[in-house]
Amino acid sequence: MVVLAIVAVACFIGGMWAATTWLPALAEGPVGTLVYFIVCGLAGGVLAVFGVHIWQIVRELEQNRRILGSAELVAGALVETLWQSGTLAASALIAYLLAPEAVPPDPN
């Protein structure tokens, strides 16, 4: 159970770090700040959900140690993983695209 918590926290932090590092800046102000925290939280959630599901797949394969049926187990779990993390990723993308853009600095 401790490994599950470590995986979830590490993936959440990794997702938040990736969002803060690679996404272009948003407008300053209350709306831009709120959307920034929403997008970073959702990006962290995407990786946390993905990491937890991968951990669950590995645990199921360890417990069931049978070769027959493991492909169906992995395929079904991956579909569920992509469905849940994809929904969160789409929500983060929608929030980011609806946010006001940062104003570029004046070259003069």
Protein backbone atom coordinates (compact mmCIF):
# COMPACT_ATOMS: atom_id res chain seq x y z
CA MET A 1 0.00 0.00 0.00
CA VAL A 2 2.93 2.32 0.65
CA VAL A 3 4.17 1.76 -2.90
CA LEU A 4 0.78 2.82 -4.24
CA ALA A 5 0.95 6.09 -2.31
CA ILE A 6 4.51 6.74 -3.49
CA VAL A 7 3.53 6.05 -7.11
CA ALA A 8 0.49 8.34 -6.90
CA VAL A 9 2.39 11.22 -5.28
CA ALA A 10 5.41 10.91 -7.56
CA CYS A 11 3.24 10.82 -10.69
CA PHE A 12 1.16 13.77 -9.49
CA ILE A 13 4.28 15.84 -8.83
CA GLY A 14 5.72 14.82 -12.20
CA GLY A 15 2.55 15.88 -14.00
CA MET A 16 2.45 19.23 -12.25
CA TRP A 17 6.14 19.81 -12.98
CA ALA A 18 5.66 18.96 -16.66
CA ALA A 19 2.72 21.36 -16.95
CA THR A 20 4.60 24.22 -15.31
CA THR A 21 7.71 23.59 -17.39
CA TRP A 22 6.36 23.06 -20.89
CA LEU A 23 3.06 24.93 -21.19
CA PRO A 24 3.23 28.49 -22.52
CA ALA A 25 2.44 31.27 -20.07
CA LEU A 26 -1.11 32.37 -19.32
CA ALA A 27 -2.29 35.92 -18.70
CA GLU A 28 -1.58 37.40 -15.30
CA GLY A 29 -4.53 38.11 -13.08
CA PRO A 30 -7.13 36.13 -11.18
CA VAL A 31 -8.47 34.17 -14.16
CA GLY A 32 -5.06 33.21 -15.52
CA THR A 33 -3.84 32.21 -12.06
CA LEU A 34 -6.92 30.09 -11.38
CA VAL A 35 -6.66 28.33 -14.74
CA TYR A 36 -2.95 27.78 -14.16
CA PHE A 37 -3.63 25.91 -10.92
CA ILE A 38 -6.52 23.98 -12.47
CA VAL A 39 -4.44 22.88 -15.47
CA CYS A 40 -1.45 21.93 -13.33
CA GLY A 41 -3.66 19.96 -10.95
CA LEU A 42 -5.41 18.15 -13.77
CA ALA A 43 -2.08 17.37 -15.46
CA GLY A 44 -0.84 15.93 -12.19
CA GLY A 45 -4.06 13.97 -11.89
CA VAL A 46 -3.62 12.52 -15.37
CA LEU A 47 -0.23 11.07 -14.53
CA ALA A 48 -1.37 9.96 -11.07
CA VAL A 49 -4.32 8.03 -12.53
CA PHE A 50 -2.06 6.54 -15.18
CA GLY A 51 0.58 5.52 -12.64
CA VAL A 52 -1.94 3.98 -10.25
CA HIS A 53 -3.55 1.96 -13.04
CA ILE A 54 -0.18 0.69 -14.22
CA TRP A 55 0.61 -0.30 -10.63
CA GLN A 56 -2.72 -2.16 -10.45
CA ILE A 57 -2.00 -3.99 -13.71
CA VAL A 58 1.38 -5.12 -12.39
CA ARG A 59 -0.19 -6.29 -9.09
CA GLU A 60 -2.88 -8.27 -10.95
CA LEU A 61 -0.26 -9.94 -13.13
CA GLU A 62 1.82 -10.82 -10.06
CA GLN A 63 -1.16 -12.33 -8.27
CA ASN A 64 -2.55 -14.27 -11.23
CA ARG A 65 0.76 -15.62 -12.63
CA ARG A 66 -1.10 -17.50 -15.33
CA ILE A 67 -0.30 -16.94 -18.96
CA LEU A 68 -3.78 -17.60 -20.31
CA GLY A 69 -6.02 -14.59 -19.88
CA SER A 70 -3.25 -12.14 -19.04
CA ALA A 71 -3.52 -10.46 -22.43
CA GLU A 72 -7.23 -9.79 -21.87
CA LEU A 73 -6.47 -8.51 -18.38
CA VAL A 74 -3.85 -6.07 -19.64
CA ALA A 75 -5.95 -4.95 -22.61
CA GLY A 76 -9.02 -4.29 -20.48
CA ALA A 77 -7.01 -2.43 -17.85
CA LEU A 78 -5.28 -0.30 -20.50
CA VAL A 79 -8.61 0.66 -22.05
CA GLU A 80 -9.87 1.74 -18.63
CA THR A 81 -6.63 3.60 -17.94
CA LEU A 82 -6.73 5.51 -21.21
CA TRP A 83 -10.42 6.31 -20.74
CA GLN A 84 -9.94 7.80 -17.28
CA SER A 85 -6.65 9.61 -17.90
CA GLY A 86 -7.84 10.79 -21.32
CA THR A 87 -10.91 12.38 -19.79
CA LEU A 88 -8.75 14.29 -17.31
CA ALA A 89 -6.30 15.28 -20.05
CA ALA A 90 -9.14 16.58 -22.23
CA SER A 91 -10.48 18.60 -19.29
CA ALA A 92 -7.04 20.12 -18.72
CA LEU A 93 -6.70 20.93 -22.41
CA ILE A 94 -10.13 22.56 -22.57
CA ALA A 95 -9.38 24.69 -19.50
CA TYR A 96 -6.01 25.71 -20.94
CA LEU A 97 -7.40 26.61 -24.36
CA LEU A 98 -10.21 28.71 -22.85
CA ALA A 99 -7.81 30.66 -20.62
CA PRO A 100 -6.62 34.13 -21.61
CA GLU A 101 -3.21 34.18 -23.26
CA ALA A 102 -0.29 36.13 -21.88
CA VAL A 103 0.32 39.46 -23.58
CA PRO A 104 3.68 39.44 -25.39
CA PRO A 105 6.11 42.14 -24.25
CA ASP A 106 6.21 45.34 -26.26
CA PRO A 107 9.36 45.36 -28.47
CA ASN A 108 9.72 49.18 -28.21
